[in-house]
Amino acid sequence: MTIELLPHAFDELVRRAIHTFWHSRSAGIVNERQGAGRNAVVGGKNMDGFVEIVRVVVEHCGLPASTVHIRKSKVILPGFFRATKNWDVLVIHEGRLLGVFEFKSQVGSFGNNFNNRSEEVIGSAADLWVAHHRGAYGGMPRGKNPVKEPSPALLNPVIQSDPRPPFLAWLMLLEDCAASNRPVKFEEPHFPVFPEFRDASYARRHQILCERLVERQLYSAAALVLTPTGKDTLRSLSSATSIRNLFAEFAGRVLAAAQ
């Protein structure tokens, strides 16, 4: 029996998610102009369509919708360097943390926000993995003693050798426009940057970020979605960083858990 990893309607679900993003964002901007303030833009439900994809994929793979948690009070996980962090979606089955998702978007102001986003996504993953390997999410005894030498280095792959780790996913929706696709200059006062960053646009920098988050085992999958302003279309810069690959990887993990 052949099992399709993703539902037949996956592409349509992605298109709807992008439509919801632009529609919600436009409504937020209108509200701000009418006096609702900044929260109308940044605190809305712009990424809800992607949250819905998680639910549909989970059900498609045989787990109940009740395993998917999206309410603000239910997407909190303990951290190691901080007490807690709110994620966008958690998938928990029979007491096991299966999936952790974070969805981000960037429209304009690329230079002001890229480094902030990078630091945030790297730090959140580091916090989660150390907490996980200290027993914060069940499956192993919770560590009671402070970390002491010789503790493994934070980004050493050995520290992530759990045979059933949570699936940690990060998705960035980036406005596909001239400003996000033109080469970006940088300063090198003391040491040269890595060559792959030379003449790289903000879109290319995001792709490199996604690739390296997975390469260094900080994330199970990371996707970059490029979409023109107000359009329901999208493109990816590589199959490895596509939204389809992210959810196919996740579906495989859910199918294994559902057996």
C-alpha atoms as a PDB file:
ATOM      1  CA  MET A   1       0.000   0.000   0.000  1.00  0.00           C
ATOM      2  CA  THR A   2       1.379   3.367  -1.058  1.00  0.00           C
ATOM      3  CA  ILE A   3       1.031   6.252   1.385  1.00  0.00           C
ATOM      4  CA  GLU A   4       1.304   9.763   0.042  1.00  0.00           C
ATOM      5  CA  LEU A   5       3.295  11.930   2.426  1.00  0.00           C
ATOM      6  CA  LEU A   6       1.277  15.064   1.716  1.00  0.00           C
ATOM      7  CA  PRO A   7      -2.446  15.563   1.073  1.00  0.00           C
ATOM      8  CA  HIS A   8      -3.614  16.027  -2.527  1.00  0.00           C
ATOM      9  CA  ALA A   9      -4.674  19.589  -1.730  1.00  0.00           C
ATOM     10  CA  PHE A  10      -1.253  20.601  -0.358  1.00  0.00           C
ATOM     11  CA  ASP A  11      -0.440  23.117  -3.106  1.00  0.00           C
ATOM     12  CA  GLU A  12      -3.868  24.707  -2.755  1.00  0.00           C
ATOM     13  CA  LEU A  13      -3.402  24.932   1.019  1.00  0.00           C
ATOM     14  CA  VAL A  14      -0.132  26.780   0.464  1.00  0.00           C
ATOM     15  CA  ARG A  15      -1.778  29.146  -2.017  1.00  0.00           C
ATOM     16  CA  ARG A  16      -4.550  29.883   0.491  1.00  0.00           C
ATOM     17  CA  ALA A  17      -1.985  30.469   3.232  1.00  0.00           C
ATOM     18  CA  ILE A  18      -0.219  33.068   1.107  1.00  0.00           C
ATOM     19  CA  HIS A  19      -3.537  34.681   0.193  1.00  0.00           C
ATOM     20  CA  THR A  20      -4.448  34.852   3.894  1.00  0.00           C
ATOM     21  CA  PHE A  21      -1.092  36.428   4.679  1.00  0.00           C
ATOM     22  CA  TRP A  22      -1.441  39.272   2.185  1.00  0.00           C
ATOM     23  CA  HIS A  23      -5.149  39.802   2.885  1.00  0.00           C
ATOM     24  CA  SER A  24      -4.634  39.911   6.677  1.00  0.00           C
ATOM     25  CA  ARG A  25      -1.640  42.177   6.355  1.00  0.00           C
ATOM     26  CA  SER A  26      -3.537  44.616   4.136  1.00  0.00           C
ATOM     27  CA  ALA A  27      -6.412  44.690   6.612  1.00  0.00           C
ATOM     28  CA  GLY A  28      -3.936  45.372   9.418  1.00  0.00           C
ATOM     29  CA  ILE A  29      -2.400  48.306   7.593  1.00  0.00           C
ATOM     30  CA  VAL A  30      -5.859  49.777   7.012  1.00  0.00           C
ATOM     31  CA  ASN A  31      -6.639  49.424  10.717  1.00  0.00           C
ATOM     32  CA  GLU A  32      -3.395  51.131  11.645  1.00  0.00           C
ATOM     33  CA  ARG A  33      -4.232  54.096   9.417  1.00  0.00           C
ATOM     34  CA  GLN A  34      -7.571  54.288  11.162  1.00  0.00           C
ATOM     35  CA  GLY A  35      -5.869  54.523  14.532  1.00  0.00           C
ATOM     36  CA  ALA A  36      -5.605  50.917  15.697  1.00  0.00           C
ATOM     37  CA  GLY A  37      -1.847  51.284  16.051  1.00  0.00           C
ATOM     38  CA  ARG A  38       1.173  49.127  15.379  1.00  0.00           C
ATOM     39  CA  ASN A  39      -0.317  45.971  16.892  1.00  0.00           C
ATOM     40  CA  ALA A  40      -2.844  45.837  14.056  1.00  0.00           C
ATOM     41  CA  VAL A  41       0.052  45.133  11.703  1.00  0.00           C
ATOM     42  CA  VAL A  42       2.376  42.911  13.724  1.00  0.00           C
ATOM     43  CA  GLY A  43      -0.091  41.242  16.074  1.00  0.00           C
ATOM     44  CA  GLY A  44      -2.614  39.887  13.588  1.00  0.00           C
ATOM     45  CA  LYS A  45      -3.234  36.403  12.190  1.00  0.00           C
ATOM     46  CA  ASN A  46      -1.103  36.772   9.080  1.00  0.00           C
ATOM     47  CA  MET A  47       0.438  33.291   9.253  1.00  0.00           C
ATOM     48  CA  ASP A  48      -2.695  31.356  10.235  1.00  0.00           C
ATOM     49  CA  GLY A  49      -2.834  29.645   6.855  1.00  0.00           C
ATOM     50  CA  PHE A  50       0.484  27.936   7.543  1.00  0.00           C
ATOM     51  CA  VAL A  51      -0.754  26.855  10.966  1.00  0.00           C
ATOM     52  CA  GLU A  52      -3.698  25.190   9.199  1.00  0.00           C
ATOM     53  CA  ILE A  53      -1.304  23.256   6.946  1.00  0.00           C
ATOM     54  CA  VAL A  54       0.257  21.676  10.034  1.00  0.00           C
ATOM     55  CA  ARG A  55      -3.155  20.501  11.223  1.00  0.00           C
ATOM     56  CA  VAL A  56      -4.127  19.068   7.827  1.00  0.00           C
ATOM     57  CA  VAL A  57      -0.821  17.212   7.401  1.00  0.00           C
ATOM     58  CA  VAL A  58      -1.067  15.741  10.907  1.00  0.00           C
ATOM     59  CA  GLU A  59      -4.581  14.433  10.254  1.00  0.00           C
ATOM     60  CA  HIS A  60      -3.569  13.174   6.805  1.00  0.00           C
ATOM     61  CA  CYS A  61      -0.826  11.117   8.449  1.00  0.00           C
ATOM     62  CA  GLY A  62      -3.186   9.481  10.907  1.00  0.00           C
ATOM     63  CA  LEU A  63      -3.005  11.472  14.117  1.00  0.00           C
ATOM     64  CA  PRO A  64      -6.002  13.355  15.563  1.00  0.00           C
ATOM     65  CA  ALA A  65      -6.312  17.124  15.300  1.00  0.00           C
ATOM     66  CA  SER A  66      -6.186  17.276  19.094  1.00  0.00           C
ATOM     67  CA  THR A  67      -2.445  16.623  18.931  1.00  0.00           C
ATOM     68  CA  VAL A  68      -1.977  20.037  17.282  1.00  0.00           C
ATOM     69  CA  HIS A  69      -1.810  22.948  19.726  1.00  0.00           C
ATOM     70  CA  ILE A  70      -2.171  26.517  18.470  1.00  0.00           C
ATOM     71  CA  ARG A  71      -3.773  28.481  21.310  1.00  0.00           C
ATOM     72  CA  LYS A  72      -1.422  30.990  22.894  1.00  0.00           C
ATOM     73  CA  SER A  73      -1.701  29.323  26.292  1.00  0.00           C
ATOM     74  CA  LYS A  74      -0.861  25.917  24.798  1.00  0.00           C
ATOM     75  CA  VAL A  75       2.232  26.663  22.686  1.00  0.00           C
ATOM     76  CA  ILE A  76       4.600  27.395  25.573  1.00  0.00           C
ATOM     77  CA  LEU A  77       7.698  25.276  26.136  1.00  0.00           C
ATOM     78  CA  PRO A  78      10.260  25.562  28.916  1.00  0.00           C
ATOM     79  CA  GLY A  79      13.694  26.766  27.885  1.00  0.00           C
ATOM     80  CA  PHE A  80      17.164  26.347  29.301  1.00  0.00           C
ATOM     81  CA  PHE A  81      18.566  29.873  29.001  1.00  0.00           C
ATOM     82  CA  ARG A  82      15.146  31.415  29.699  1.00  0.00           C
ATOM     83  CA  ALA A  83      12.105  30.159  31.552  1.00  0.00           C
ATOM     84  CA  THR A  84       9.766  29.705  28.578  1.00  0.00           C
ATOM     85  CA  LYS A  85       9.213  30.455  24.891  1.00  0.00           C
ATOM     86  CA  ASN A  86       5.984  30.722  22.914  1.00  0.00           C
ATOM     87  CA  TRP A  87       6.084  28.894  19.586  1.00  0.00           C
ATOM     88  CA  ASP A  88       3.495  29.049  16.803  1.00  0.00           C
ATOM     89  CA  VAL A  89       2.462  25.382  16.751  1.00  0.00           C
ATOM     90  CA  LEU A  90       3.233  22.379  18.946  1.00  0.00           C
ATOM     91  CA  VAL A  91       2.393  18.780  18.033  1.00  0.00           C
ATOM     92  CA  ILE A  92       2.222  16.486  21.068  1.00  0.00           C
ATOM     93  CA  HIS A  93       1.182  12.828  20.832  1.00  0.00           C
ATOM     94  CA  GLU A  94       0.835  10.575  23.876  1.00  0.00           C
ATOM     95  CA  GLY A  95       3.024  12.840  25.941  1.00  0.00           C
ATOM     96  CA  ARG A  96       5.776  13.013  23.331  1.00  0.00           C
ATOM     97  CA  LEU A  97       6.781  16.318  21.750  1.00  0.00           C
ATOM     98  CA  LEU A  98       6.602  15.516  18.033  1.00  0.00           C
ATOM     99  CA  GLY A  99       6.734  18.882  16.317  1.00  0.00           C
ATOM    100  CA  VAL A 100       7.640  22.493  17.021  1.00  0.00           C
ATOM    101  CA  PHE A 101       6.973  25.186  14.415  1.00  0.00           C
ATOM    102  CA  GLU A 102       7.829  28.844  14.057  1.00  0.00           C
ATOM    103  CA  PHE A 103       6.556  30.952  11.153  1.00  0.00           C
ATOM    104  CA  LYS A 104       8.064  34.359  10.366  1.00  0.00           C
ATOM    105  CA  SER A 105       7.556  36.939   7.648  1.00  0.00           C
ATOM    106  CA  GLN A 106       9.404  39.961   6.331  1.00  0.00           C
ATOM    107  CA  VAL A 107       7.970  42.646   4.063  1.00  0.00           C
ATOM    108  CA  GLY A 108      10.309  45.579   3.440  1.00  0.00           C
ATOM    109  CA  SER A 109      12.972  46.861   5.868  1.00  0.00           C
ATOM    110  CA  PHE A 110      15.163  43.907   4.923  1.00  0.00           C
ATOM    111  CA  GLY A 111      18.422  45.417   6.125  1.00  0.00           C
ATOM    112  CA  ASN A 112      17.041  46.370   9.517  1.00  0.00           C
ATOM    113  CA  ASN A 113      15.600  42.956  10.284  1.00  0.00           C
ATOM    114  CA  PHE A 114      17.740  40.196   8.747  1.00  0.00           C
ATOM    115  CA  ASN A 115      20.354  40.058  11.516  1.00  0.00           C
ATOM    116  CA  ASN A 116      17.650  40.259  14.205  1.00  0.00           C
ATOM    117  CA  ARG A 117      15.759  37.348  12.630  1.00  0.00           C
ATOM    118  CA  SER A 118      18.980  35.331  12.301  1.00  0.00           C
ATOM    119  CA  GLU A 119      19.951  35.819  15.927  1.00  0.00           C
ATOM    120  CA  GLU A 120      16.440  34.982  17.059  1.00  0.00           C
ATOM    121  CA  VAL A 121      16.126  31.731  15.099  1.00  0.00           C
ATOM    122  CA  ILE A 122      19.582  30.491  16.102  1.00  0.00           C
ATOM    123  CA  GLY A 123      19.073  31.363  19.753  1.00  0.00           C
ATOM    124  CA  SER A 124      15.629  29.767  19.954  1.00  0.00           C
ATOM    125  CA  ALA A 125      16.946  26.482  18.570  1.00  0.00           C
ATOM    126  CA  ALA A 126      19.956  26.448  20.888  1.00  0.00           C
ATOM    127  CA  ASP A 127      17.672  27.058  23.864  1.00  0.00           C
ATOM    128  CA  LEU A 128      15.261  24.287  22.854  1.00  0.00           C
ATOM    129  CA  TRP A 129      17.903  21.618  22.225  1.00  0.00           C
ATOM    130  CA  VAL A 130      19.755  22.157  25.469  1.00  0.00           C
ATOM    131  CA  ALA A 131      16.430  22.086  27.353  1.00  0.00           C
ATOM    132  CA  HIS A 132      15.441  18.919  25.490  1.00  0.00           C
ATOM    133  CA  HIS A 133      18.655  17.131  26.358  1.00  0.00           C
ATOM    134  CA  ARG A 134      18.283  18.216  29.954  1.00  0.00           C
ATOM    135  CA  GLY A 135      14.955  16.364  30.067  1.00  0.00           C
ATOM    136  CA  ALA A 136      12.588  19.330  29.791  1.00  0.00           C
ATOM    137  CA  TYR A 137      10.143  17.610  27.422  1.00  0.00           C
ATOM    138  CA  GLY A 138       9.944  14.118  28.904  1.00  0.00           C
ATOM    139  CA  GLY A 139      11.454  10.893  27.646  1.00  0.00           C
ATOM    140  CA  MET A 140      14.544  11.157  29.858  1.00  0.00           C
ATOM    141  CA  PRO A 141      15.327  12.205  33.435  1.00  0.00           C
ATOM    142  CA  ARG A 142      15.301  15.952  33.905  1.00  0.00           C
ATOM    143  CA  GLY A 143      18.760  17.206  34.822  1.00  0.00           C
ATOM    144  CA  LYS A 144      18.927  18.635  38.324  1.00  0.00           C
ATOM    145  CA  ASN A 145      22.512  19.810  38.373  1.00  0.00           C
ATOM    146  CA  PRO A 146      23.890  22.888  36.643  1.00  0.00           C
ATOM    147  CA  VAL A 147      25.820  22.333  33.442  1.00  0.00           C
ATOM    148  CA  LYS A 148      29.449  21.666  34.288  1.00  0.00           C
ATOM    149  CA  GLU A 149      32.580  20.929  32.330  1.00  0.00           C
ATOM    150  CA  PRO A 150      33.155  18.763  30.460  1.00  0.00           C
ATOM    151  CA  SER A 151      29.690  19.384  28.980  1.00  0.00           C
ATOM    152  CA  PRO A 152      29.452  18.920  25.188  1.00  0.00           C
ATOM    153  CA  ALA A 153      29.746  22.086  23.148  1.00  0.00           C
ATOM    154  CA  LEU A 154      26.356  23.631  22.444  1.00  0.00           C
ATOM    155  CA  LEU A 155      26.474  23.099  18.676  1.00  0.00           C
ATOM    156  CA  ASN A 156      28.307  19.775  18.822  1.00  0.00           C
ATOM    157  CA  PRO A 157      26.109  17.239  16.950  1.00  0.00           C
ATOM    158  CA  VAL A 158      26.789  14.703  19.723  1.00  0.00           C
ATOM    159  CA  ILE A 159      24.481  16.664  22.016  1.00  0.00           C
ATOM    160  CA  GLN A 160      21.648  16.063  19.543  1.00  0.00           C
ATOM    161  CA  SER A 161      22.052  12.270  19.275  1.00  0.00           C
ATOM    162  CA  ASP A 162      18.544  11.497  20.569  1.00  0.00           C
ATOM    163  CA  PRO A 163      17.063   8.810  18.251  1.00  0.00           C
ATOM    164  CA  ARG A 164      13.581  10.420  18.470  1.00  0.00           C
ATOM    165  CA  PRO A 165      14.116  14.170  18.779  1.00  0.00           C
ATOM    166  CA  PRO A 166      11.297  16.669  18.246  1.00  0.00           C
ATOM    167  CA  PHE A 167      10.854  17.889  14.679  1.00  0.00           C
ATOM    168  CA  LEU A 168      11.864  21.538  14.824  1.00  0.00           C
ATOM    169  CA  ALA A 169      10.793  23.629  11.819  1.00  0.00           C
ATOM    170  CA  TRP A 170      11.271  27.259  10.802  1.00  0.00           C
ATOM    171  CA  LEU A 171       9.586  28.972   7.854  1.00  0.00           C
ATOM    172  CA  MET A 172      10.342  32.453   6.550  1.00  0.00           C
ATOM    173  CA  LEU A 173       7.935  34.172   4.164  1.00  0.00           C
ATOM    174  CA  LEU A 174       9.864  36.918   2.358  1.00  0.00           C
ATOM    175  CA  GLU A 175       8.523  39.602   0.063  1.00  0.00           C
ATOM    176  CA  ASP A 176       9.760  38.841  -3.458  1.00  0.00           C
ATOM    177  CA  CYS A 177      10.724  42.262  -4.811  1.00  0.00           C
ATOM    178  CA  ALA A 178      13.656  44.186  -6.260  1.00  0.00           C
ATOM    179  CA  ALA A 179      14.963  45.190  -2.830  1.00  0.00           C
ATOM    180  CA  SER A 180      15.077  41.608  -1.528  1.00  0.00           C
ATOM    181  CA  ASN A 181      16.794  40.311  -4.679  1.00  0.00           C
ATOM    182  CA  ARG A 182      19.557  42.865  -5.279  1.00  0.00           C
ATOM    183  CA  PRO A 183      23.131  42.266  -4.003  1.00  0.00           C
ATOM    184  CA  VAL A 184      23.854  43.625  -0.526  1.00  0.00           C
ATOM    185  CA  LYS A 185      27.045  45.421   0.477  1.00  0.00           C
ATOM    186  CA  PHE A 186      28.825  44.821   3.781  1.00  0.00           C
ATOM    187  CA  GLU A 187      31.836  46.048   5.716  1.00  0.00           C
ATOM    188  CA  GLU A 188      34.972  43.979   6.383  1.00  0.00           C
ATOM    189  CA  PRO A 189      37.158  46.121   8.685  1.00  0.00           C
ATOM    190  CA  HIS A 190      39.231  43.248  10.082  1.00  0.00           C
ATOM    191  CA  PHE A 191      38.463  39.869   8.514  1.00  0.00           C
ATOM    192  CA  PRO A 192      36.836  38.770   5.242  1.00  0.00           C
ATOM    193  CA  VAL A 193      33.306  37.376   5.172  1.00  0.00           C
ATOM    194  CA  PHE A 194      32.681  33.893   3.844  1.00  0.00           C
ATOM    195  CA  PRO A 195      32.696  33.984   0.022  1.00  0.00           C
ATOM    196  CA  GLU A 196      29.121  32.739  -0.396  1.00  0.00           C
ATOM    197  CA  PHE A 197      27.873  36.004   1.103  1.00  0.00           C
ATOM    198  CA  ARG A 198      29.578  38.143  -1.539  1.00  0.00           C
ATOM    199  CA  ASP A 199      27.045  39.706  -3.909  1.00  0.00           C
ATOM    200  CA  ALA A 200      24.307  37.801  -2.103  1.00  0.00           C
ATOM    201  CA  SER A 201      20.863  39.399  -1.920  1.00  0.00           C
ATOM    202  CA  TYR A 202      18.715  39.294   1.221  1.00  0.00           C
ATOM    203  CA  ALA A 203      16.782  36.445  -0.383  1.00  0.00           C
ATOM    204  CA  ARG A 204      20.014  34.511  -0.933  1.00  0.00           C
ATOM    205  CA  ARG A 205      21.140  35.277   2.646  1.00  0.00           C
ATOM    206  CA  HIS A 206      17.887  33.810   3.949  1.00  0.00           C
ATOM    207  CA  GLN A 207      18.456  30.716   1.820  1.00  0.00           C
ATOM    208  CA  ILE A 208      21.963  30.291   3.235  1.00  0.00           C
ATOM    209  CA  LEU A 209      20.534  30.711   6.729  1.00  0.00           C
ATOM    210  CA  CYS A 210      17.921  27.994   6.127  1.00  0.00           C
ATOM    211  CA  GLU A 211      20.485  25.607   4.662  1.00  0.00           C
ATOM    212  CA  ARG A 212      22.902  26.061   7.547  1.00  0.00           C
ATOM    213  CA  LEU A 213      20.251  25.788  10.243  1.00  0.00           C
ATOM    214  CA  VAL A 214      19.610  22.259   8.959  1.00  0.00           C
ATOM    215  CA  GLU A 215      23.242  21.460   8.163  1.00  0.00           C
ATOM    216  CA  ARG A 216      24.300  22.261  11.735  1.00  0.00           C
ATOM    217  CA  GLN A 217      21.344  20.248  13.100  1.00  0.00           C
ATOM    218  CA  LEU A 218      19.739  23.263  14.733  1.00  0.00           C
ATOM    219  CA  TYR A 219      16.506  22.633  12.787  1.00  0.00           C
ATOM    220  CA  SER A 220      14.993  19.510  11.286  1.00  0.00           C
ATOM    221  CA  ALA A 221      13.814  21.549   8.291  1.00  0.00           C
ATOM    222  CA  ALA A 222      13.799  25.215   7.291  1.00  0.00           C
ATOM    223  CA  ALA A 223      11.956  26.795   4.384  1.00  0.00           C
ATOM    224  CA  LEU A 224      12.099  30.084   2.509  1.00  0.00           C
ATOM    225  CA  VAL A 225       8.921  31.168   0.736  1.00  0.00           C
ATOM    226  CA  LEU A 226       9.301  34.069  -1.696  1.00  0.00           C
ATOM    227  CA  THR A 227       6.039  35.722  -2.698  1.00  0.00           C
ATOM    228  CA  PRO A 228       5.365  38.966  -4.632  1.00  0.00           C
ATOM    229  CA  THR A 229       3.379  41.664  -2.856  1.00  0.00           C
ATOM    230  CA  GLY A 230      -0.336  40.887  -2.871  1.00  0.00           C
ATOM    231  CA  LYS A 231      -0.008  37.785  -5.071  1.00  0.00           C
ATOM    232  CA  ASP A 232      -1.001  34.204  -4.303  1.00  0.00           C
ATOM    233  CA  THR A 233       2.102  32.848  -6.009  1.00  0.00           C
ATOM    234  CA  LEU A 234       5.400  31.698  -4.539  1.00  0.00           C
ATOM    235  CA  ARG A 235       8.803  30.367  -5.432  1.00  0.00           C
ATOM    236  CA  SER A 236      11.710  28.718  -3.669  1.00  0.00           C
ATOM    237  CA  LEU A 237      15.425  29.131  -4.300  1.00  0.00           C
ATOM    238  CA  SER A 238      16.079  25.404  -3.865  1.00  0.00           C
ATOM    239  CA  SER A 239      14.116  22.214  -3.347  1.00  0.00           C
ATOM    240  CA  ALA A 240      15.879  21.670  -0.012  1.00  0.00           C
ATOM    241  CA  THR A 241      14.525  24.959   1.349  1.00  0.00           C
ATOM    242  CA  SER A 242      11.045  24.668  -0.161  1.00  0.00           C
ATOM    243  CA  ILE A 243       7.857  24.539   1.868  1.00  0.00           C
ATOM    244  CA  ARG A 244       7.005  21.193   0.250  1.00  0.00           C
ATOM    245  CA  ASN A 245      10.247  19.672   1.504  1.00  0.00           C
ATOM    246  CA  LEU A 246       9.657  21.011   5.024  1.00  0.00           C
ATOM    247  CA  PHE A 247       6.217  19.445   5.299  1.00  0.00           C
ATOM    248  CA  ALA A 248       7.263  16.204   3.566  1.00  0.00           C
ATOM    249  CA  GLU A 249      10.010  15.771   6.168  1.00  0.00           C
ATOM    250  CA  PHE A 250       7.501  16.497   8.919  1.00  0.00           C
ATOM    251  CA  ALA A 251       4.938  14.084   7.458  1.00  0.00           C
ATOM    252  CA  GLY A 252       7.500  11.291   7.521  1.00  0.00           C
ATOM    253  CA  ARG A 253       8.099  11.914  11.209  1.00  0.00           C
ATOM    254  CA  VAL A 254       4.342  11.930  11.961  1.00  0.00           C
ATOM    255  CA  LEU A 255       3.748   8.729  10.005  1.00  0.00           C
ATOM    256  CA  ALA A 256       6.441   6.987  12.005  1.00  0.00           C
ATOM    257  CA  ALA A 257       4.858   8.144  15.255  1.00  0.00           C
ATOM    258  CA  ALA A 258       1.384   7.038  14.150  1.00  0.00           C
ATOM    259  CA  GLN A 259       2.444   3.406  13.594  1.00  0.00           C
END
